[in-house]
Amino acid sequence: MQQRVFTNGVEIKDQLVKDRFIKNSGVPFTVPTAIDPEAIIRFLAPDTAVFGTSNMRFYVTKKGNQHLFYSIGSVQVASNRINGTLNNDIRGLLKYTAPLVPLPSTTGFAYVTKEVRVGYRDQSNMRVALLHYRLKRDFSGLANSEASGLLFNEFNEAAITTIGAGDTLAVQESSFMMPVQ
């Protein structure tokens, strides 16, 4: 597990600065040590799975031991900002994404897409990727925004180049094991 912090397109190496920025995140940068007994991946068919007790189904594609889980239901993405941060800023952090389908402006949404989760299977367990993030944007001194969260995906290294002067991004990639049924 590695915590990385970037500003102006470069990585910050000062551990005290990194720790201070990460500590103020709205989502703790922690990795679960004990998994809820209900936290399993259940395959309903070779290409369909659910996580835990959720009814939300995912279509599964496999390449070697890597499994990409695409939500069967669409995710609507608003055309405005979330806490002032563009939706595309968060999407840009993700290594694996689904195509965007544009919507008419009258719907109030910019597009629909699918949630994508990634895991790596070994016999009876799936190592599920965790990406913690905190993104703070400065809009030329006029305003700033911040978003933080946890996603079951991996970090897209190309996102580093989108972090401009006054912006700060912290990421932590880790994973945890989930039993597979």
C-alpha atoms as a PDB file:
ATOM      1  CA  MET A   1       0.000   0.000   0.000  1.00  0.00           C
ATOM      2  CA  GLN A   2       1.401   3.332  -1.046  1.00  0.00           C
ATOM      3  CA  GLN A   3       0.039   6.824  -0.488  1.00  0.00           C
ATOM      4  CA  ARG A   4       0.945   9.336  -3.176  1.00  0.00           C
ATOM      5  CA  VAL A   5       0.246  13.075  -3.352  1.00  0.00           C
ATOM      6  CA  PHE A   6       0.580  15.286  -6.450  1.00  0.00           C
ATOM      7  CA  THR A   7       0.454  18.994  -7.195  1.00  0.00           C
ATOM      8  CA  ASN A   8       1.190  20.863 -10.408  1.00  0.00           C
ATOM      9  CA  GLY A   9       1.727  17.567 -12.230  1.00  0.00           C
ATOM     10  CA  VAL A  10       4.515  16.338  -9.923  1.00  0.00           C
ATOM     11  CA  GLU A  11       4.639  14.036  -6.909  1.00  0.00           C
ATOM     12  CA  ILE A  12       5.168  15.522  -3.432  1.00  0.00           C
ATOM     13  CA  LYS A  13       7.857  13.601  -1.554  1.00  0.00           C
ATOM     14  CA  ASP A  14       7.683  15.427   1.820  1.00  0.00           C
ATOM     15  CA  GLN A  15       5.988  12.894   4.131  1.00  0.00           C
ATOM     16  CA  LEU A  16       4.699  15.552   6.576  1.00  0.00           C
ATOM     17  CA  VAL A  17       2.970  17.469   3.774  1.00  0.00           C
ATOM     18  CA  LYS A  18       1.486  14.236   2.417  1.00  0.00           C
ATOM     19  CA  ASP A  19       0.248  13.126   5.842  1.00  0.00           C
ATOM     20  CA  ARG A  20      -1.374  16.504   6.572  1.00  0.00           C
ATOM     21  CA  PHE A  21      -3.277  16.536   3.261  1.00  0.00           C
ATOM     22  CA  ILE A  22      -4.416  12.907   3.577  1.00  0.00           C
ATOM     23  CA  LYS A  23      -5.470  13.353   7.217  1.00  0.00           C
ATOM     24  CA  ASN A  24      -7.982  16.038   6.185  1.00  0.00           C
ATOM     25  CA  SER A  25      -9.713  13.783   3.653  1.00  0.00           C
ATOM     26  CA  GLY A  26     -13.451  13.255   4.046  1.00  0.00           C
ATOM     27  CA  VAL A  27     -12.907   9.506   3.547  1.00  0.00           C
ATOM     28  CA  PRO A  28     -10.301   7.808   5.771  1.00  0.00           C
ATOM     29  CA  PHE A  29      -7.431   6.249   3.831  1.00  0.00           C
ATOM     30  CA  THR A  30      -7.705   2.895   5.578  1.00  0.00           C
ATOM     31  CA  VAL A  31      -7.755  -0.664   4.310  1.00  0.00           C
ATOM     32  CA  PRO A  32     -10.298  -3.030   5.863  1.00  0.00           C
ATOM     33  CA  THR A  33      -8.594  -5.470   8.220  1.00  0.00           C
ATOM     34  CA  ALA A  34     -11.645  -7.614   8.843  1.00  0.00           C
ATOM     35  CA  ILE A  35     -14.133  -8.265   6.088  1.00  0.00           C
ATOM     36  CA  ASP A  36     -17.833  -8.489   6.887  1.00  0.00           C
ATOM     37  CA  PRO A  37     -18.968 -12.137   6.602  1.00  0.00           C
ATOM     38  CA  GLU A  38     -21.586 -10.938   4.106  1.00  0.00           C
ATOM     39  CA  ALA A  39     -18.830  -9.464   1.868  1.00  0.00           C
ATOM     40  CA  ILE A  40     -18.531 -12.122  -0.802  1.00  0.00           C
ATOM     41  CA  ILE A  41     -18.625 -12.186  -4.562  1.00  0.00           C
ATOM     42  CA  ARG A  42     -21.335 -14.502  -5.757  1.00  0.00           C
ATOM     43  CA  PHE A  43     -21.304 -15.654  -9.381  1.00  0.00           C
ATOM     44  CA  LEU A  44     -24.865 -16.170 -10.619  1.00  0.00           C
ATOM     45  CA  ALA A  45     -23.523 -17.331 -13.993  1.00  0.00           C
ATOM     46  CA  PRO A  46     -20.008 -17.434 -15.476  1.00  0.00           C
ATOM     47  CA  ASP A  47     -20.482 -13.856 -16.738  1.00  0.00           C
ATOM     48  CA  THR A  48     -22.723 -12.391 -13.982  1.00  0.00           C
ATOM     49  CA  ALA A  49     -21.916 -11.624 -10.340  1.00  0.00           C
ATOM     50  CA  VAL A  50     -23.154  -9.687  -7.292  1.00  0.00           C
ATOM     51  CA  PHE A  51     -21.151  -8.241  -4.403  1.00  0.00           C
ATOM     52  CA  GLY A  52     -22.300  -9.147  -0.878  1.00  0.00           C
ATOM     53  CA  THR A  53     -26.017  -8.979  -0.214  1.00  0.00           C
ATOM     54  CA  SER A  54     -26.628  -6.369  -2.928  1.00  0.00           C
ATOM     55  CA  ASN A  55     -29.019  -7.128  -5.768  1.00  0.00           C
ATOM     56  CA  MET A  56     -26.930  -4.977  -8.132  1.00  0.00           C
ATOM     57  CA  ARG A  57     -25.673  -7.282 -10.860  1.00  0.00           C
ATOM     58  CA  PHE A  58     -22.398  -6.933 -12.717  1.00  0.00           C
ATOM     59  CA  TYR A  59     -21.484  -8.301 -16.125  1.00  0.00           C
ATOM     60  CA  VAL A  60     -18.030  -9.926 -15.866  1.00  0.00           C
ATOM     61  CA  THR A  61     -15.240 -10.016 -18.435  1.00  0.00           C
ATOM     62  CA  LYS A  62     -12.069 -12.012 -17.800  1.00  0.00           C
ATOM     63  CA  LYS A  63      -8.518 -11.739 -19.057  1.00  0.00           C
ATOM     64  CA  GLY A  64      -6.254 -14.222 -17.307  1.00  0.00           C
ATOM     65  CA  ASN A  65      -6.939 -13.855 -13.583  1.00  0.00           C
ATOM     66  CA  GLN A  66      -8.190 -10.256 -13.992  1.00  0.00           C
ATOM     67  CA  HIS A  67     -11.958  -9.757 -13.749  1.00  0.00           C
ATOM     68  CA  LEU A  68     -13.654  -6.513 -14.791  1.00  0.00           C
ATOM     69  CA  PHE A  69     -17.135  -6.091 -13.329  1.00  0.00           C
ATOM     70  CA  TYR A  70     -19.472  -3.748 -15.266  1.00  0.00           C
ATOM     71  CA  SER A  71     -22.704  -2.714 -13.576  1.00  0.00           C
ATOM     72  CA  ILE A  72     -25.672  -3.934 -15.581  1.00  0.00           C
ATOM     73  CA  GLY A  73     -27.655  -0.871 -14.555  1.00  0.00           C
ATOM     74  CA  SER A  74     -26.543   2.492 -15.887  1.00  0.00           C
ATOM     75  CA  VAL A  75     -25.064   5.216 -13.723  1.00  0.00           C
ATOM     76  CA  GLN A  76     -26.407   8.691 -14.525  1.00  0.00           C
ATOM     77  CA  VAL A  77     -23.808  11.435 -14.360  1.00  0.00           C
ATOM     78  CA  ALA A  78     -24.984  14.984 -13.702  1.00  0.00           C
ATOM     79  CA  SER A  79     -23.990  17.750 -16.057  1.00  0.00           C
ATOM     80  CA  ASN A  80     -22.999  19.969 -13.143  1.00  0.00           C
ATOM     81  CA  ARG A  81     -20.256  19.689 -10.563  1.00  0.00           C
ATOM     82  CA  ILE A  82     -20.104  17.512  -7.456  1.00  0.00           C
ATOM     83  CA  ASN A  83     -18.864  19.739  -4.641  1.00  0.00           C
ATOM     84  CA  GLY A  84     -17.427  21.956  -7.370  1.00  0.00           C
ATOM     85  CA  THR A  85     -15.325  19.157  -8.837  1.00  0.00           C
ATOM     86  CA  LEU A  86     -16.120  18.100 -12.365  1.00  0.00           C
ATOM     87  CA  ASN A  87     -17.424  14.572 -12.712  1.00  0.00           C
ATOM     88  CA  ASN A  88     -14.756  13.974 -15.354  1.00  0.00           C
ATOM     89  CA  ASP A  89     -12.057  14.711 -12.765  1.00  0.00           C
ATOM     90  CA  ILE A  90     -13.118  11.636 -10.798  1.00  0.00           C
ATOM     91  CA  ARG A  91     -13.575   9.503 -13.923  1.00  0.00           C
ATOM     92  CA  GLY A  92     -10.075  10.517 -15.034  1.00  0.00           C
ATOM     93  CA  LEU A  93      -8.613   8.912 -11.902  1.00  0.00           C
ATOM     94  CA  LEU A  94      -9.884   5.479 -12.942  1.00  0.00           C
ATOM     95  CA  LYS A  95      -7.766   3.035 -14.901  1.00  0.00           C
ATOM     96  CA  TYR A  96     -10.813   1.072 -16.060  1.00  0.00           C
ATOM     97  CA  THR A  97     -13.948   2.817 -17.333  1.00  0.00           C
ATOM     98  CA  ALA A  98     -16.974   2.079 -19.479  1.00  0.00           C
ATOM     99  CA  PRO A  99     -17.974   4.157 -22.505  1.00  0.00           C
ATOM    100  CA  LEU A 100     -19.959   7.350 -21.994  1.00  0.00           C
ATOM    101  CA  VAL A 101     -23.368   7.620 -23.622  1.00  0.00           C
ATOM    102  CA  PRO A 102     -24.441  11.275 -24.079  1.00  0.00           C
ATOM    103  CA  LEU A 103     -27.940  12.298 -23.012  1.00  0.00           C
ATOM    104  CA  PRO A 104     -30.135  15.178 -24.155  1.00  0.00           C
ATOM    105  CA  SER A 105     -29.655  18.280 -21.973  1.00  0.00           C
ATOM    106  CA  THR A 106     -33.350  18.178 -21.031  1.00  0.00           C
ATOM    107  CA  THR A 107     -32.683  15.106 -18.854  1.00  0.00           C
ATOM    108  CA  GLY A 108     -30.484  17.085 -16.442  1.00  0.00           C
ATOM    109  CA  PHE A 109     -27.699  14.561 -16.941  1.00  0.00           C
ATOM    110  CA  ALA A 110     -24.678  14.788 -19.211  1.00  0.00           C
ATOM    111  CA  TYR A 111     -24.362  11.064 -19.877  1.00  0.00           C
ATOM    112  CA  VAL A 112     -24.822   7.547 -18.579  1.00  0.00           C
ATOM    113  CA  THR A 113     -22.096   4.992 -18.075  1.00  0.00           C
ATOM    114  CA  LYS A 114     -21.430   1.815 -16.133  1.00  0.00           C
ATOM    115  CA  GLU A 115     -19.626   1.408 -12.826  1.00  0.00           C
ATOM    116  CA  VAL A 116     -16.474  -0.665 -13.354  1.00  0.00           C
ATOM    117  CA  ARG A 117     -14.836  -2.684 -10.578  1.00  0.00           C
ATOM    118  CA  VAL A 118     -11.649  -4.709 -10.906  1.00  0.00           C
ATOM    119  CA  GLY A 119     -10.477  -7.841  -9.141  1.00  0.00           C
ATOM    120  CA  TYR A 120      -7.939 -10.631  -9.516  1.00  0.00           C
ATOM    121  CA  ARG A 121      -9.003 -14.206  -8.817  1.00  0.00           C
ATOM    122  CA  ASP A 122      -6.968 -16.975  -7.260  1.00  0.00           C
ATOM    123  CA  GLN A 123      -8.824 -20.250  -6.660  1.00  0.00           C
ATOM    124  CA  SER A 124     -11.607 -19.348  -4.186  1.00  0.00           C
ATOM    125  CA  ASN A 125     -10.859 -15.658  -3.503  1.00  0.00           C
ATOM    126  CA  MET A 126     -10.907 -12.377  -5.402  1.00  0.00           C
ATOM    127  CA  ARG A 127      -8.384  -9.631  -4.608  1.00  0.00           C
ATOM    128  CA  VAL A 128     -10.525  -6.519  -5.122  1.00  0.00           C
ATOM    129  CA  ALA A 129      -8.779  -3.233  -5.934  1.00  0.00           C
ATOM    130  CA  LEU A 130      -9.383  -0.225  -3.658  1.00  0.00           C
ATOM    131  CA  LEU A 131      -8.634   3.336  -4.739  1.00  0.00           C
ATOM    132  CA  HIS A 132      -8.911   6.041  -2.072  1.00  0.00           C
ATOM    133  CA  TYR A 133      -8.681   9.572  -3.417  1.00  0.00           C
ATOM    134  CA  ARG A 134      -8.830  13.189  -2.328  1.00  0.00           C
ATOM    135  CA  LEU A 135      -8.869  15.815  -5.056  1.00  0.00           C
ATOM    136  CA  LYS A 136      -8.741  19.523  -4.320  1.00  0.00           C
ATOM    137  CA  ARG A 137      -9.043  21.948  -7.245  1.00  0.00           C
ATOM    138  CA  ASP A 138      -8.264  25.674  -7.271  1.00  0.00           C
ATOM    139  CA  PHE A 139     -10.158  27.567  -9.946  1.00  0.00           C
ATOM    140  CA  SER A 140      -7.727  30.491 -10.493  1.00  0.00           C
ATOM    141  CA  GLY A 141      -8.212  31.826  -6.972  1.00  0.00           C
ATOM    142  CA  LEU A 142     -11.943  32.389  -7.607  1.00  0.00           C
ATOM    143  CA  ALA A 143     -13.065  29.260  -5.801  1.00  0.00           C
ATOM    144  CA  ASN A 144     -11.873  25.840  -4.883  1.00  0.00           C
ATOM    145  CA  SER A 145     -13.549  22.480  -4.627  1.00  0.00           C
ATOM    146  CA  GLU A 146     -12.841  19.161  -3.087  1.00  0.00           C
ATOM    147  CA  ALA A 147     -13.982  15.584  -3.526  1.00  0.00           C
ATOM    148  CA  SER A 148     -12.868  12.406  -1.802  1.00  0.00           C
ATOM    149  CA  GLY A 149     -13.973   8.824  -1.923  1.00  0.00           C
ATOM    150  CA  LEU A 150     -13.267   5.137  -2.306  1.00  0.00           C
ATOM    151  CA  LEU A 151     -13.699   3.187  -5.534  1.00  0.00           C
ATOM    152  CA  PHE A 152     -13.138  -0.469  -6.477  1.00  0.00           C
ATOM    153  CA  ASN A 153     -10.791   0.392  -9.327  1.00  0.00           C
ATOM    154  CA  GLU A 154      -7.122   1.157  -9.998  1.00  0.00           C
ATOM    155  CA  PHE A 155      -5.365   4.503 -10.454  1.00  0.00           C
ATOM    156  CA  ASN A 156      -4.897   5.927 -13.930  1.00  0.00           C
ATOM    157  CA  GLU A 157      -1.352   7.363 -13.932  1.00  0.00           C
ATOM    158  CA  ALA A 158      -2.288   9.723 -16.791  1.00  0.00           C
ATOM    159  CA  ALA A 159      -4.403  11.683 -14.262  1.00  0.00           C
ATOM    160  CA  ILE A 160      -1.199  13.119 -12.763  1.00  0.00           C
ATOM    161  CA  THR A 161      -0.760  15.413 -15.770  1.00  0.00           C
ATOM    162  CA  THR A 162      -4.200  16.972 -15.140  1.00  0.00           C
ATOM    163  CA  ILE A 163      -3.202  18.232 -11.687  1.00  0.00           C
ATOM    164  CA  GLY A 164      -2.393  21.898 -12.216  1.00  0.00           C
ATOM    165  CA  ALA A 165      -0.884  24.662 -10.097  1.00  0.00           C
ATOM    166  CA  GLY A 166      -2.956  25.053  -6.938  1.00  0.00           C
ATOM    167  CA  ASP A 167      -4.543  21.596  -7.329  1.00  0.00           C
ATOM    168  CA  THR A 168      -3.704  18.653  -5.073  1.00  0.00           C
ATOM    169  CA  LEU A 169      -4.477  14.963  -5.514  1.00  0.00           C
ATOM    170  CA  ALA A 170      -3.854  12.202  -2.992  1.00  0.00           C
ATOM    171  CA  VAL A 171      -4.334   8.548  -3.915  1.00  0.00           C
ATOM    172  CA  GLN A 172      -3.852   5.278  -2.144  1.00  0.00           C
ATOM    173  CA  GLU A 173      -4.062   1.990  -3.985  1.00  0.00           C
ATOM    174  CA  SER A 174      -4.629  -1.168  -2.018  1.00  0.00           C
ATOM    175  CA  SER A 175      -6.763  -4.282  -2.170  1.00  0.00           C
ATOM    176  CA  PHE A 176      -8.542  -6.795  -0.010  1.00  0.00           C
ATOM    177  CA  MET A 177      -9.568 -10.414  -0.421  1.00  0.00           C
ATOM    178  CA  MET A 178     -13.209 -11.422  -0.856  1.00  0.00           C
ATOM    179  CA  PRO A 179     -14.363 -15.033  -0.910  1.00  0.00           C
ATOM    180  CA  VAL A 180     -15.955 -16.175  -4.174  1.00  0.00           C
ATOM    181  CA  GLN A 181     -19.006 -18.424  -4.385  1.00  0.00           C
END
